[in-house]
């Protein structure tokens, strides 16, 4: 993903609420 190096965990969690695929991709990193 573009800008993945500057994305914050809160942004990921926010996007995961709307994009189930992101939740699956980033799930392991949020544990």
C-alpha atoms as a PDB file:
ATOM      1  CA  UNK A   1       0.000   0.000   0.000  1.00  0.00           C
ATOM      2  CA  UNK A   2       1.119   3.539  -0.686  1.00  0.00           C
ATOM      3  CA  UNK A   3       2.211   5.442   2.418  1.00  0.00           C
ATOM      4  CA  UNK A   4       2.179   2.285   4.497  1.00  0.00           C
ATOM      5  CA  UNK A   5       5.297   3.518   6.275  1.00  0.00           C
ATOM      6  CA  UNK A   6       3.515   6.606   7.606  1.00  0.00           C
ATOM      7  CA  UNK A   7       0.100   5.114   8.367  1.00  0.00           C
ATOM      8  CA  UNK A   8      -0.823   4.944  12.044  1.00  0.00           C
ATOM      9  CA  UNK A   9      -2.450   2.068  13.891  1.00  0.00           C
ATOM     10  CA  UNK A  10      -5.487   4.259  14.563  1.00  0.00           C
ATOM     11  CA  UNK A  11      -5.859   4.881  10.824  1.00  0.00           C
ATOM     12  CA  UNK A  12      -5.693   1.148  10.161  1.00  0.00           C
ATOM     13  CA  UNK A  13      -8.307   0.438  12.813  1.00  0.00           C
ATOM     14  CA  UNK A  14     -10.514   3.197  11.373  1.00  0.00           C
ATOM     15  CA  UNK A  15     -10.240   1.829   7.839  1.00  0.00           C
ATOM     16  CA  UNK A  16     -10.714  -1.753   9.033  1.00  0.00           C
ATOM     17  CA  UNK A  17     -14.203  -0.771  10.228  1.00  0.00           C
ATOM     18  CA  UNK A  18     -15.144  -0.057   6.602  1.00  0.00           C
ATOM     19  CA  UNK A  19     -12.810  -2.419   4.742  1.00  0.00           C
ATOM     20  CA  UNK A  20     -12.969  -6.022   6.037  1.00  0.00           C
ATOM     21  CA  UNK A  21     -10.048  -6.897   3.751  1.00  0.00           C
ATOM     22  CA  UNK A  22      -7.848  -4.386   5.591  1.00  0.00           C
ATOM     23  CA  UNK A  23      -8.900  -5.925   8.894  1.00  0.00           C
ATOM     24  CA  UNK A  24      -7.690  -9.285   7.605  1.00  0.00           C
ATOM     25  CA  UNK A  25      -4.435  -7.852   6.248  1.00  0.00           C
ATOM     26  CA  UNK A  26      -3.530  -5.755   9.289  1.00  0.00           C
ATOM     27  CA  UNK A  27      -5.106  -7.954  11.969  1.00  0.00           C
ATOM     28  CA  UNK A  28      -1.812  -9.689  12.879  1.00  0.00           C
ATOM     29  CA  UNK A  29      -0.112  -6.288  13.340  1.00  0.00           C
ATOM     30  CA  UNK A  30      -2.762  -5.023  15.754  1.00  0.00           C
ATOM     31  CA  UNK A  31      -2.434  -7.912  18.202  1.00  0.00           C
END
